């Protein structure tokens, strides 16, 4: 009887040890899984409008450097042009499938990408708009950007002061229909100049796609409508370069036309120094990209999502200052340019 008791006790002890080992094995597996998750490389997606604009080139460089600094992996994609909505939508879907924790995007259109963005967010992906807001802004978790309306206001104020209140003949070269950043800069210019879109001084509005060649064509078309154009607003500096070629070919000199723009890339600031562009609003894509990557990595590690609007700054760069408009020198612009 005593012998049986000992044997039963042995079974109990053996069963307890087996159970304990089983629990330990489960704990090891759980710990290993958690460790694998914590050490897995964080993937961050960046999607720009195109691959050639110096603004987006610098944005990619900034995001790549910040990702490397934080031990993350950057996945990059871009549209074939600034209006390639389908390309951007495909890139969003591919990045979600690839397992990114966050996507940074300069949307081609204010609304077209929104359904794909919504699906990504539903899948747990943090989506941050860089430079160009969605419509509505709440379509993304957050926006890191220049205040593009204010950038337009600055160059509008400059153009008004530079022309000393005279009646002028204005051409406006936008990006393309549906561009939210284009609308903000366009309307900001009107506000700064002190006119409405229906003002008779505006004789031509064209779309230059934010690129040199299409903008040259758009400017040529405007000059055919009215050869007396003496103020030109451009969506960005590549557009200004294309516009200037058309103006020069038409026999215009730098003294004949006031050209204003937005971006602050090195080529653009050099054109300010050369007199091709009278003033430009400088923005800072490197800052947008680095803040975006940091936000995604922070979300991946701690679960906190970036939200709201972060203003990444803007400064007016002009070779010649004008009364009543605060600006910085070409030297400052060159020291802080990109591209």
C-alpha atoms as a PDB file:
ATOM      1  CA  UNK A   1       0.000   0.000   0.000  1.00  0.00           C
ATOM      2  CA  UNK A   2       2.803   2.306   0.909  1.00  0.00           C
ATOM      3  CA  UNK A   3       4.591   1.340  -2.319  1.00  0.00           C
ATOM      4  CA  UNK A   4       1.528   2.319  -4.384  1.00  0.00           C
ATOM      5  CA  UNK A   5       1.388   5.726  -2.667  1.00  0.00           C
ATOM      6  CA  UNK A   6       4.976   6.406  -3.583  1.00  0.00           C
ATOM      7  CA  UNK A   7       4.292   5.445  -7.196  1.00  0.00           C
ATOM      8  CA  UNK A   8       1.253   7.720  -7.374  1.00  0.00           C
ATOM      9  CA  UNK A   9       3.299  10.568  -5.926  1.00  0.00           C
ATOM     10  CA  UNK A  10       5.926   9.901  -8.565  1.00  0.00           C
ATOM     11  CA  UNK A  11       3.295  10.144 -11.284  1.00  0.00           C
ATOM     12  CA  UNK A  12       2.104  13.440  -9.839  1.00  0.00           C
ATOM     13  CA  UNK A  13       5.626  14.850  -9.724  1.00  0.00           C
ATOM     14  CA  UNK A  14       6.405  13.617 -13.242  1.00  0.00           C
ATOM     15  CA  UNK A  15       3.135  15.084 -14.569  1.00  0.00           C
ATOM     16  CA  UNK A  16       3.923  18.412 -12.899  1.00  0.00           C
ATOM     17  CA  UNK A  17       7.410  18.502 -14.425  1.00  0.00           C
ATOM     18  CA  UNK A  18       6.061  17.686 -17.906  1.00  0.00           C
ATOM     19  CA  UNK A  19       3.419  20.393 -17.589  1.00  0.00           C
ATOM     20  CA  UNK A  20       6.014  22.852 -16.380  1.00  0.00           C
ATOM     21  CA  UNK A  21       8.285  22.026 -19.303  1.00  0.00           C
ATOM     22  CA  UNK A  22       5.350  22.481 -21.678  1.00  0.00           C
ATOM     23  CA  UNK A  23       4.560  25.891 -20.236  1.00  0.00           C
ATOM     24  CA  UNK A  24       8.224  26.850 -20.426  1.00  0.00           C
ATOM     25  CA  UNK A  25       8.325  25.804 -24.099  1.00  0.00           C
ATOM     26  CA  UNK A  26       5.242  27.916 -24.819  1.00  0.00           C
ATOM     27  CA  UNK A  27       6.786  30.860 -22.983  1.00  0.00           C
ATOM     28  CA  UNK A  28       9.987  30.489 -25.000  1.00  0.00           C
ATOM     29  CA  UNK A  29       8.036  30.419 -28.271  1.00  0.00           C
ATOM     30  CA  UNK A  30       6.011  33.510 -27.280  1.00  0.00           C
ATOM     31  CA  UNK A  31       9.142  35.355 -26.177  1.00  0.00           C
ATOM     32  CA  UNK A  32      10.944  34.414 -29.386  1.00  0.00           C
ATOM     33  CA  UNK A  33       7.991  35.600 -31.470  1.00  0.00           C
ATOM     34  CA  UNK A  34       7.816  38.888 -29.588  1.00  0.00           C
ATOM     35  CA  UNK A  35      11.564  39.318 -29.962  1.00  0.00           C
ATOM     36  CA  UNK A  36      11.348  38.644 -33.700  1.00  0.00           C
ATOM     37  CA  UNK A  37       8.614  41.248 -34.006  1.00  0.00           C
ATOM     38  CA  UNK A  38      10.586  43.836 -32.044  1.00  0.00           C
ATOM     39  CA  UNK A  39      13.763  43.308 -34.059  1.00  0.00           C
ATOM     40  CA  UNK A  40      12.133  43.023 -37.504  1.00  0.00           C
ATOM     41  CA  UNK A  41      13.157  45.851 -39.836  1.00  0.00           C
ATOM     42  CA  UNK A  42      10.544  48.585 -39.952  1.00  0.00           C
ATOM     43  CA  UNK A  43       9.444  49.341 -43.496  1.00  0.00           C
ATOM     44  CA  UNK A  44       8.545  52.889 -44.486  1.00  0.00           C
ATOM     45  CA  UNK A  45       6.977  53.755 -47.841  1.00  0.00           C
ATOM     46  CA  UNK A  46       7.554  56.983 -49.772  1.00  0.00           C
ATOM     47  CA  UNK A  47       5.466  57.838 -52.853  1.00  0.00           C
ATOM     48  CA  UNK A  48       6.117  61.042 -54.818  1.00  0.00           C
ATOM     49  CA  UNK A  49       4.457  62.562 -57.877  1.00  0.00           C
ATOM     50  CA  UNK A  50       7.400  61.843 -60.169  1.00  0.00           C
ATOM     51  CA  UNK A  51      11.089  60.920 -60.033  1.00  0.00           C
ATOM     52  CA  UNK A  52      12.616  63.885 -61.885  1.00  0.00           C
ATOM     53  CA  UNK A  53      11.515  67.021 -60.043  1.00  0.00           C
ATOM     54  CA  UNK A  54      14.439  68.123 -57.823  1.00  0.00           C
ATOM     55  CA  UNK A  55      11.979  68.660 -54.964  1.00  0.00           C
ATOM     56  CA  UNK A  56      11.047  64.981 -54.946  1.00  0.00           C
ATOM     57  CA  UNK A  57      14.623  63.869 -55.550  1.00  0.00           C
ATOM     58  CA  UNK A  58      15.648  65.690 -52.375  1.00  0.00           C
ATOM     59  CA  UNK A  59      12.642  64.327 -50.520  1.00  0.00           C
ATOM     60  CA  UNK A  60      13.732  60.787 -51.395  1.00  0.00           C
ATOM     61  CA  UNK A  61      17.306  61.522 -50.286  1.00  0.00           C
ATOM     62  CA  UNK A  62      16.082  62.894 -46.976  1.00  0.00           C
ATOM     63  CA  UNK A  63      13.803  59.920 -46.348  1.00  0.00           C
ATOM     64  CA  UNK A  64      16.557  57.451 -47.267  1.00  0.00           C
ATOM     65  CA  UNK A  65      19.043  59.085 -44.899  1.00  0.00           C
ATOM     66  CA  UNK A  66      16.556  59.235 -42.016  1.00  0.00           C
ATOM     67  CA  UNK A  67      15.496  55.613 -42.536  1.00  0.00           C
ATOM     68  CA  UNK A  68      19.129  54.476 -42.469  1.00  0.00           C
ATOM     69  CA  UNK A  69      19.761  56.521 -39.325  1.00  0.00           C
ATOM     70  CA  UNK A  70      16.822  54.842 -37.568  1.00  0.00           C
ATOM     71  CA  UNK A  71      17.513  51.317 -38.839  1.00  0.00           C
ATOM     72  CA  UNK A  72      14.433  51.257 -41.069  1.00  0.00           C
ATOM     73  CA  UNK A  73      13.998  50.203 -44.696  1.00  0.00           C
ATOM     74  CA  UNK A  74      12.651  52.714 -47.231  1.00  0.00           C
ATOM     75  CA  UNK A  75      10.411  51.506 -50.068  1.00  0.00           C
ATOM     76  CA  UNK A  76      10.100  54.102 -52.824  1.00  0.00           C
ATOM     77  CA  UNK A  77       7.712  54.588 -55.727  1.00  0.00           C
ATOM     78  CA  UNK A  78       6.513  57.461 -57.901  1.00  0.00           C
ATOM     79  CA  UNK A  79       4.033  58.245 -60.616  1.00  0.00           C
ATOM     80  CA  UNK A  80       5.100  58.586 -64.247  1.00  0.00           C
ATOM     81  CA  UNK A  81       4.026  62.235 -64.073  1.00  0.00           C
ATOM     82  CA  UNK A  82       2.538  64.693 -61.598  1.00  0.00           C
ATOM     83  CA  UNK A  83      -0.964  63.577 -62.634  1.00  0.00           C
ATOM     84  CA  UNK A  84      -0.448  59.796 -62.571  1.00  0.00           C
ATOM     85  CA  UNK A  85      -3.138  58.850 -60.060  1.00  0.00           C
ATOM     86  CA  UNK A  86      -3.270  55.208 -61.157  1.00  0.00           C
ATOM     87  CA  UNK A  87       0.462  54.808 -60.581  1.00  0.00           C
ATOM     88  CA  UNK A  88       0.224  56.186 -57.075  1.00  0.00           C
ATOM     89  CA  UNK A  89      -2.783  54.045 -56.199  1.00  0.00           C
ATOM     90  CA  UNK A  90      -0.930  50.911 -57.357  1.00  0.00           C
ATOM     91  CA  UNK A  91       2.082  51.959 -55.279  1.00  0.00           C
ATOM     92  CA  UNK A  92      -0.059  52.336 -52.147  1.00  0.00           C
ATOM     93  CA  UNK A  93      -1.538  48.861 -52.627  1.00  0.00           C
ATOM     94  CA  UNK A  94       1.870  47.295 -53.281  1.00  0.00           C
ATOM     95  CA  UNK A  95       3.394  48.885 -50.199  1.00  0.00           C
ATOM     96  CA  UNK A  96       0.582  47.670 -47.941  1.00  0.00           C
ATOM     97  CA  UNK A  97       1.142  44.151 -49.308  1.00  0.00           C
ATOM     98  CA  UNK A  98       4.877  44.536 -48.642  1.00  0.00           C
ATOM     99  CA  UNK A  99       4.177  45.197 -44.969  1.00  0.00           C
ATOM    100  CA  UNK A 100       5.032  48.870 -44.509  1.00  0.00           C
ATOM    101  CA  UNK A 101       4.153  50.431 -41.151  1.00  0.00           C
ATOM    102  CA  UNK A 102       3.619  53.822 -42.732  1.00  0.00           C
ATOM    103  CA  UNK A 103       3.362  55.581 -46.089  1.00  0.00           C
ATOM    104  CA  UNK A 104       4.540  59.109 -46.834  1.00  0.00           C
ATOM    105  CA  UNK A 105       2.897  60.488 -49.967  1.00  0.00           C
ATOM    106  CA  UNK A 106       2.770  63.621 -52.097  1.00  0.00           C
ATOM    107  CA  UNK A 107      -0.595  62.943 -53.695  1.00  0.00           C
ATOM    108  CA  UNK A 108      -1.019  63.628 -57.401  1.00  0.00           C
ATOM    109  CA  UNK A 109      -4.644  64.615 -56.866  1.00  0.00           C
ATOM    110  CA  UNK A 110      -6.460  65.951 -53.823  1.00  0.00           C
ATOM    111  CA  UNK A 111      -9.120  63.235 -53.943  1.00  0.00           C
ATOM    112  CA  UNK A 112      -8.250  60.436 -56.394  1.00  0.00           C
ATOM    113  CA  UNK A 113      -5.933  58.540 -54.031  1.00  0.00           C
ATOM    114  CA  UNK A 114      -8.267  58.789 -51.021  1.00  0.00           C
ATOM    115  CA  UNK A 115      -9.996  55.373 -51.361  1.00  0.00           C
ATOM    116  CA  UNK A 116      -6.634  53.576 -51.540  1.00  0.00           C
ATOM    117  CA  UNK A 117      -5.382  55.605 -48.577  1.00  0.00           C
ATOM    118  CA  UNK A 118      -8.496  54.647 -46.599  1.00  0.00           C
ATOM    119  CA  UNK A 119      -7.858  50.939 -47.254  1.00  0.00           C
ATOM    120  CA  UNK A 120      -4.251  51.312 -46.127  1.00  0.00           C
ATOM    121  CA  UNK A 121      -5.276  53.027 -42.901  1.00  0.00           C
ATOM    122  CA  UNK A 122      -7.881  50.338 -42.250  1.00  0.00           C
ATOM    123  CA  UNK A 123      -5.072  47.796 -42.543  1.00  0.00           C
ATOM    124  CA  UNK A 124      -3.199  49.611 -39.763  1.00  0.00           C
ATOM    125  CA  UNK A 125      -0.824  51.633 -41.933  1.00  0.00           C
ATOM    126  CA  UNK A 126      -0.018  55.193 -40.835  1.00  0.00           C
ATOM    127  CA  UNK A 127      -0.425  57.539 -43.836  1.00  0.00           C
ATOM    128  CA  UNK A 128       1.186  60.985 -43.826  1.00  0.00           C
ATOM    129  CA  UNK A 129       0.804  63.508 -46.650  1.00  0.00           C
ATOM    130  CA  UNK A 130       3.990  65.425 -47.481  1.00  0.00           C
ATOM    131  CA  UNK A 131       3.794  68.883 -49.101  1.00  0.00           C
ATOM    132  CA  UNK A 132       0.452  68.257 -50.839  1.00  0.00           C
ATOM    133  CA  UNK A 133      -2.700  67.852 -48.726  1.00  0.00           C
ATOM    134  CA  UNK A 134      -5.569  65.554 -49.548  1.00  0.00           C
ATOM    135  CA  UNK A 135      -9.109  66.895 -49.763  1.00  0.00           C
ATOM    136  CA  UNK A 136     -10.231  66.661 -47.040  1.00  0.00           C
ATOM    137  CA  UNK A 137      -7.019  66.748 -45.012  1.00  0.00           C
ATOM    138  CA  UNK A 138      -8.511  64.116 -42.686  1.00  0.00           C
ATOM    139  CA  UNK A 139      -8.105  61.502 -45.446  1.00  0.00           C
ATOM    140  CA  UNK A 140      -4.564  61.023 -44.100  1.00  0.00           C
ATOM    141  CA  UNK A 141      -3.454  60.727 -40.489  1.00  0.00           C
ATOM    142  CA  UNK A 142      -1.277  63.830 -40.732  1.00  0.00           C
ATOM    143  CA  UNK A 143       0.183  66.466 -43.040  1.00  0.00           C
ATOM    144  CA  UNK A 144       3.818  67.648 -42.959  1.00  0.00           C
ATOM    145  CA  UNK A 145       4.110  70.556 -45.376  1.00  0.00           C
ATOM    146  CA  UNK A 146       4.868  74.128 -46.221  1.00  0.00           C
ATOM    147  CA  UNK A 147       1.848  76.362 -45.858  1.00  0.00           C
ATOM    148  CA  UNK A 148       1.424  76.493 -49.632  1.00  0.00           C
ATOM    149  CA  UNK A 149      -1.236  79.194 -49.475  1.00  0.00           C
ATOM    150  CA  UNK A 150       1.173  81.447 -47.575  1.00  0.00           C
ATOM    151  CA  UNK A 151       3.921  80.610 -50.085  1.00  0.00           C
ATOM    152  CA  UNK A 152       1.613  81.920 -52.805  1.00  0.00           C
ATOM    153  CA  UNK A 153       0.718  84.997 -50.756  1.00  0.00           C
ATOM    154  CA  UNK A 154       4.406  85.912 -50.391  1.00  0.00           C
ATOM    155  CA  UNK A 155       5.142  85.850 -54.120  1.00  0.00           C
ATOM    156  CA  UNK A 156       1.865  87.631 -54.854  1.00  0.00           C
ATOM    157  CA  UNK A 157       2.817  90.416 -52.468  1.00  0.00           C
ATOM    158  CA  UNK A 158       6.257  90.607 -54.024  1.00  0.00           C
ATOM    159  CA  UNK A 159       4.894  90.827 -57.575  1.00  0.00           C
ATOM    160  CA  UNK A 160       2.446  93.562 -56.553  1.00  0.00           C
ATOM    161  CA  UNK A 161       5.166  95.612 -54.831  1.00  0.00           C
ATOM    162  CA  UNK A 162       7.683  95.035 -57.660  1.00  0.00           C
ATOM    163  CA  UNK A 163       5.198  96.372 -60.238  1.00  0.00           C
ATOM    164  CA  UNK A 164       4.432  99.349 -57.983  1.00  0.00           C
ATOM    165  CA  UNK A 165       0.674  99.069 -58.162  1.00  0.00           C
ATOM    166  CA  UNK A 166       0.477  99.527 -61.925  1.00  0.00           C
ATOM    167  CA  UNK A 167      -2.118  97.758 -64.052  1.00  0.00           C
ATOM    168  CA  UNK A 168      -0.394  94.659 -65.386  1.00  0.00           C
ATOM    169  CA  UNK A 169      -1.029  91.723 -67.723  1.00  0.00           C
ATOM    170  CA  UNK A 170      -0.787  88.402 -65.858  1.00  0.00           C
ATOM    171  CA  UNK A 171      -0.272  84.792 -66.943  1.00  0.00           C
ATOM    172  CA  UNK A 172      -0.624  81.988 -64.409  1.00  0.00           C
ATOM    173  CA  UNK A 173       0.973  78.588 -64.998  1.00  0.00           C
ATOM    174  CA  UNK A 174      -0.591  75.978 -62.702  1.00  0.00           C
ATOM    175  CA  UNK A 175       0.261  72.295 -62.266  1.00  0.00           C
ATOM    176  CA  UNK A 176      -2.830  70.415 -63.482  1.00  0.00           C
ATOM    177  CA  UNK A 177      -6.528  70.192 -62.718  1.00  0.00           C
ATOM    178  CA  UNK A 178      -7.156  68.551 -59.343  1.00  0.00           C
ATOM    179  CA  UNK A 179      -3.799  69.506 -57.811  1.00  0.00           C
ATOM    180  CA  UNK A 180      -4.513  70.632 -54.242  1.00  0.00           C
ATOM    181  CA  UNK A 181      -1.084  72.201 -53.781  1.00  0.00           C
ATOM    182  CA  UNK A 182      -1.520  73.972 -57.122  1.00  0.00           C
ATOM    183  CA  UNK A 183      -4.840  75.455 -56.007  1.00  0.00           C
ATOM    184  CA  UNK A 184      -3.345  76.644 -52.712  1.00  0.00           C
ATOM    185  CA  UNK A 185      -0.405  78.409 -54.379  1.00  0.00           C
ATOM    186  CA  UNK A 186      -2.600  79.858 -57.140  1.00  0.00           C
ATOM    187  CA  UNK A 187      -5.138  81.264 -54.682  1.00  0.00           C
ATOM    188  CA  UNK A 188      -2.395  82.478 -52.372  1.00  0.00           C
ATOM    189  CA  UNK A 189      -0.852  84.461 -55.221  1.00  0.00           C
ATOM    190  CA  UNK A 190      -4.218  86.093 -55.959  1.00  0.00           C
ATOM    191  CA  UNK A 191      -4.603  87.000 -52.291  1.00  0.00           C
ATOM    192  CA  UNK A 192      -1.099  88.435 -52.080  1.00  0.00           C
ATOM    193  CA  UNK A 193      -1.501  90.403 -55.302  1.00  0.00           C
ATOM    194  CA  UNK A 194      -4.861  91.691 -54.108  1.00  0.00           C
ATOM    195  CA  UNK A 195      -7.068  90.465 -56.949  1.00  0.00           C
ATOM    196  CA  UNK A 196      -9.687  87.806 -57.649  1.00  0.00           C
ATOM    197  CA  UNK A 197      -9.468  85.049 -60.223  1.00  0.00           C
ATOM    198  CA  UNK A 198     -11.921  86.909 -62.441  1.00  0.00           C
ATOM    199  CA  UNK A 199      -9.765  90.043 -62.580  1.00  0.00           C
ATOM    200  CA  UNK A 200      -9.261  91.367 -66.115  1.00  0.00           C
ATOM    201  CA  UNK A 201      -5.499  91.655 -65.518  1.00  0.00           C
ATOM    202  CA  UNK A 202      -5.318  87.844 -65.706  1.00  0.00           C
ATOM    203  CA  UNK A 203      -5.276  87.121 -69.445  1.00  0.00           C
ATOM    204  CA  UNK A 204      -4.189  83.481 -69.419  1.00  0.00           C
ATOM    205  CA  UNK A 205      -4.215  80.470 -67.085  1.00  0.00           C
ATOM    206  CA  UNK A 206      -2.427  77.333 -68.290  1.00  0.00           C
ATOM    207  CA  UNK A 207      -1.243  73.986 -66.932  1.00  0.00           C
ATOM    208  CA  UNK A 208       2.483  73.329 -67.196  1.00  0.00           C
ATOM    209  CA  UNK A 209       2.547  70.078 -65.169  1.00  0.00           C
ATOM    210  CA  UNK A 210       5.255  71.627 -62.984  1.00  0.00           C
ATOM    211  CA  UNK A 211       7.791  70.668 -65.664  1.00  0.00           C
ATOM    212  CA  UNK A 212      10.021  72.631 -68.033  1.00  0.00           C
ATOM    213  CA  UNK A 213       8.840  71.560 -71.500  1.00  0.00           C
ATOM    214  CA  UNK A 214       5.061  71.586 -70.876  1.00  0.00           C
ATOM    215  CA  UNK A 215       5.413  74.969 -69.156  1.00  0.00           C
ATOM    216  CA  UNK A 216       7.276  76.406 -72.134  1.00  0.00           C
ATOM    217  CA  UNK A 217       4.419  75.262 -74.367  1.00  0.00           C
ATOM    218  CA  UNK A 218       1.821  76.683 -71.971  1.00  0.00           C
ATOM    219  CA  UNK A 219       3.647  80.025 -71.899  1.00  0.00           C
ATOM    220  CA  UNK A 220       3.886  80.105 -75.690  1.00  0.00           C
ATOM    221  CA  UNK A 221       0.114  79.585 -75.861  1.00  0.00           C
ATOM    222  CA  UNK A 222      -0.419  82.420 -73.385  1.00  0.00           C
ATOM    223  CA  UNK A 223       1.782  84.772 -75.403  1.00  0.00           C
ATOM    224  CA  UNK A 224      -0.259  83.961 -78.497  1.00  0.00           C
ATOM    225  CA  UNK A 225      -3.365  85.056 -76.606  1.00  0.00           C
ATOM    226  CA  UNK A 226      -1.704  88.220 -75.355  1.00  0.00           C
ATOM    227  CA  UNK A 227       1.891  89.235 -76.192  1.00  0.00           C
ATOM    228  CA  UNK A 228       1.817  92.021 -73.576  1.00  0.00           C
ATOM    229  CA  UNK A 229       2.149  89.695 -70.562  1.00  0.00           C
ATOM    230  CA  UNK A 230       4.447  91.305 -67.987  1.00  0.00           C
ATOM    231  CA  UNK A 231       3.762  89.284 -64.790  1.00  0.00           C
ATOM    232  CA  UNK A 232       4.047  85.493 -64.666  1.00  0.00           C
ATOM    233  CA  UNK A 233       3.080  83.275 -61.729  1.00  0.00           C
ATOM    234  CA  UNK A 234       4.426  79.704 -61.907  1.00  0.00           C
ATOM    235  CA  UNK A 235       3.594  76.675 -59.754  1.00  0.00           C
ATOM    236  CA  UNK A 236       7.294  75.859 -59.292  1.00  0.00           C
ATOM    237  CA  UNK A 237      10.782  76.669 -60.556  1.00  0.00           C
ATOM    238  CA  UNK A 238      11.013  74.096 -63.394  1.00  0.00           C
ATOM    239  CA  UNK A 239       7.793  75.700 -64.664  1.00  0.00           C
ATOM    240  CA  UNK A 240       9.397  79.143 -64.338  1.00  0.00           C
ATOM    241  CA  UNK A 241      12.425  77.966 -66.349  1.00  0.00           C
ATOM    242  CA  UNK A 242      10.164  76.741 -69.161  1.00  0.00           C
ATOM    243  CA  UNK A 243       8.149  79.955 -69.083  1.00  0.00           C
ATOM    244  CA  UNK A 244      11.304  82.049 -69.299  1.00  0.00           C
ATOM    245  CA  UNK A 245      12.477  80.202 -72.413  1.00  0.00           C
ATOM    246  CA  UNK A 246       9.182  81.050 -74.116  1.00  0.00           C
ATOM    247  CA  UNK A 247       9.387  84.681 -72.985  1.00  0.00           C
ATOM    248  CA  UNK A 248      12.975  85.025 -74.181  1.00  0.00           C
ATOM    249  CA  UNK A 249      12.131  83.439 -77.542  1.00  0.00           C
ATOM    250  CA  UNK A 250       9.338  85.992 -77.877  1.00  0.00           C
ATOM    251  CA  UNK A 251      11.846  88.805 -77.463  1.00  0.00           C
ATOM    252  CA  UNK A 252      11.135  89.610 -73.816  1.00  0.00           C
ATOM    253  CA  UNK A 253      13.951  90.767 -71.531  1.00  0.00           C
ATOM    254  CA  UNK A 254      14.236  90.286 -67.772  1.00  0.00           C
ATOM    255  CA  UNK A 255      13.329  93.939 -67.337  1.00  0.00           C
ATOM    256  CA  UNK A 256      10.083  93.395 -69.267  1.00  0.00           C
ATOM    257  CA  UNK A 257       8.580  90.670 -67.084  1.00  0.00           C
ATOM    258  CA  UNK A 258       8.245  89.896 -63.361  1.00  0.00           C
ATOM    259  CA  UNK A 259       8.390  86.124 -62.811  1.00  0.00           C
ATOM    260  CA  UNK A 260       7.593  84.599 -59.406  1.00  0.00           C
ATOM    261  CA  UNK A 261       7.573  80.984 -58.274  1.00  0.00           C
ATOM    262  CA  UNK A 262       7.685  78.475 -55.402  1.00  0.00           C
ATOM    263  CA  UNK A 263      10.133  75.772 -54.263  1.00  0.00           C
ATOM    264  CA  UNK A 264      13.596  77.080 -53.357  1.00  0.00           C
ATOM    265  CA  UNK A 265      15.656  74.395 -55.082  1.00  0.00           C
ATOM    266  CA  UNK A 266      19.264  75.262 -55.888  1.00  0.00           C
ATOM    267  CA  UNK A 267      18.588  75.610 -59.624  1.00  0.00           C
ATOM    268  CA  UNK A 268      15.653  77.890 -58.861  1.00  0.00           C
ATOM    269  CA  UNK A 269      17.629  80.076 -56.454  1.00  0.00           C
ATOM    270  CA  UNK A 270      20.417  80.338 -59.025  1.00  0.00           C
ATOM    271  CA  UNK A 271      17.775  81.565 -61.467  1.00  0.00           C
ATOM    272  CA  UNK A 272      16.787  84.195 -58.910  1.00  0.00           C
ATOM    273  CA  UNK A 273      20.422  85.267 -58.764  1.00  0.00           C
ATOM    274  CA  UNK A 274      20.558  85.358 -62.582  1.00  0.00           C
ATOM    275  CA  UNK A 275      17.380  87.440 -62.808  1.00  0.00           C
ATOM    276  CA  UNK A 276      15.297  84.782 -64.571  1.00  0.00           C
ATOM    277  CA  UNK A 277      13.034  84.523 -61.503  1.00  0.00           C
ATOM    278  CA  UNK A 278      12.416  87.686 -59.476  1.00  0.00           C
ATOM    279  CA  UNK A 279      11.379  85.921 -56.261  1.00  0.00           C
ATOM    280  CA  UNK A 280      10.582  82.422 -55.049  1.00  0.00           C
ATOM    281  CA  UNK A 281       9.079  80.983 -51.869  1.00  0.00           C
ATOM    282  CA  UNK A 282      11.554  78.458 -50.483  1.00  0.00           C
ATOM    283  CA  UNK A 283      10.275  75.313 -48.815  1.00  0.00           C
ATOM    284  CA  UNK A 284      12.148  72.440 -47.192  1.00  0.00           C
ATOM    285  CA  UNK A 285      11.446  68.908 -48.505  1.00  0.00           C
ATOM    286  CA  UNK A 286      14.319  67.376 -46.548  1.00  0.00           C
ATOM    287  CA  UNK A 287      12.609  68.393 -43.306  1.00  0.00           C
ATOM    288  CA  UNK A 288       9.246  67.040 -44.470  1.00  0.00           C
ATOM    289  CA  UNK A 289      10.752  63.669 -45.349  1.00  0.00           C
ATOM    290  CA  UNK A 290      12.874  63.255 -42.216  1.00  0.00           C
ATOM    291  CA  UNK A 291       9.987  64.182 -39.917  1.00  0.00           C
ATOM    292  CA  UNK A 292       7.758  61.746 -41.790  1.00  0.00           C
ATOM    293  CA  UNK A 293      10.143  58.811 -41.451  1.00  0.00           C
ATOM    294  CA  UNK A 294      10.674  59.566 -37.762  1.00  0.00           C
ATOM    295  CA  UNK A 295       6.902  59.594 -37.220  1.00  0.00           C
ATOM    296  CA  UNK A 296       6.440  56.192 -38.902  1.00  0.00           C
ATOM    297  CA  UNK A 297       9.288  54.601 -36.909  1.00  0.00           C
ATOM    298  CA  UNK A 298       7.844  56.078 -33.712  1.00  0.00           C
ATOM    299  CA  UNK A 299       4.459  54.583 -34.552  1.00  0.00           C
ATOM    300  CA  UNK A 300       5.986  51.176 -35.301  1.00  0.00           C
ATOM    301  CA  UNK A 301       7.818  51.115 -31.982  1.00  0.00           C
ATOM    302  CA  UNK A 302       5.339  52.764 -29.665  1.00  0.00           C
ATOM    303  CA  UNK A 303       1.972  52.788 -31.411  1.00  0.00           C
ATOM    304  CA  UNK A 304       1.552  56.582 -31.301  1.00  0.00           C
ATOM    305  CA  UNK A 305       0.137  57.982 -34.536  1.00  0.00           C
ATOM    306  CA  UNK A 306       1.113  61.397 -35.873  1.00  0.00           C
ATOM    307  CA  UNK A 307      -1.874  63.651 -36.430  1.00  0.00           C
ATOM    308  CA  UNK A 308      -2.827  67.142 -37.572  1.00  0.00           C
ATOM    309  CA  UNK A 309      -0.724  69.616 -39.528  1.00  0.00           C
ATOM    310  CA  UNK A 310       2.985  70.307 -39.058  1.00  0.00           C
ATOM    311  CA  UNK A 311       4.208  73.475 -40.791  1.00  0.00           C
ATOM    312  CA  UNK A 312       7.716  72.859 -42.144  1.00  0.00           C
ATOM    313  CA  UNK A 313       8.341  76.529 -42.946  1.00  0.00           C
ATOM    314  CA  UNK A 314       8.690  78.898 -45.912  1.00  0.00           C
ATOM    315  CA  UNK A 315      10.870  81.927 -46.723  1.00  0.00           C
ATOM    316  CA  UNK A 316      10.727  84.367 -49.620  1.00  0.00           C
ATOM    317  CA  UNK A 317      14.016  84.520 -51.557  1.00  0.00           C
ATOM    318  CA  UNK A 318      14.625  87.606 -53.686  1.00  0.00           C
ATOM    319  CA  UNK A 319      17.655  89.210 -55.315  1.00  0.00           C
ATOM    320  CA  UNK A 320      16.118  92.636 -54.737  1.00  0.00           C
ATOM    321  CA  UNK A 321      14.013  93.404 -51.692  1.00  0.00           C
ATOM    322  CA  UNK A 322      10.810  95.417 -52.112  1.00  0.00           C
ATOM    323  CA  UNK A 323       9.069  97.696 -49.599  1.00  0.00           C
ATOM    324  CA  UNK A 324       6.603  96.013 -47.259  1.00  0.00           C
ATOM    325  CA  UNK A 325       7.536  92.400 -48.096  1.00  0.00           C
ATOM    326  CA  UNK A 326       9.939  90.456 -45.884  1.00  0.00           C
ATOM    327  CA  UNK A 327      12.465  88.449 -47.867  1.00  0.00           C
ATOM    328  CA  UNK A 328      15.804  86.718 -47.477  1.00  0.00           C
ATOM    329  CA  UNK A 329      18.854  87.080 -49.697  1.00  0.00           C
ATOM    330  CA  UNK A 330      20.047  84.835 -52.491  1.00  0.00           C
ATOM    331  CA  UNK A 331      22.964  83.894 -50.251  1.00  0.00           C
ATOM    332  CA  UNK A 332      20.515  82.558 -47.649  1.00  0.00           C
ATOM    333  CA  UNK A 333      18.595  80.753 -50.367  1.00  0.00           C
ATOM    334  CA  UNK A 334      21.732  79.079 -51.709  1.00  0.00           C
ATOM    335  CA  UNK A 335      22.814  78.062 -48.207  1.00  0.00           C
ATOM    336  CA  UNK A 336      19.465  76.381 -47.586  1.00  0.00           C
ATOM    337  CA  UNK A 337      18.525  75.122 -51.060  1.00  0.00           C
ATOM    338  CA  UNK A 338      18.288  71.544 -52.253  1.00  0.00           C
ATOM    339  CA  UNK A 339      18.741  69.641 -55.472  1.00  0.00           C
END
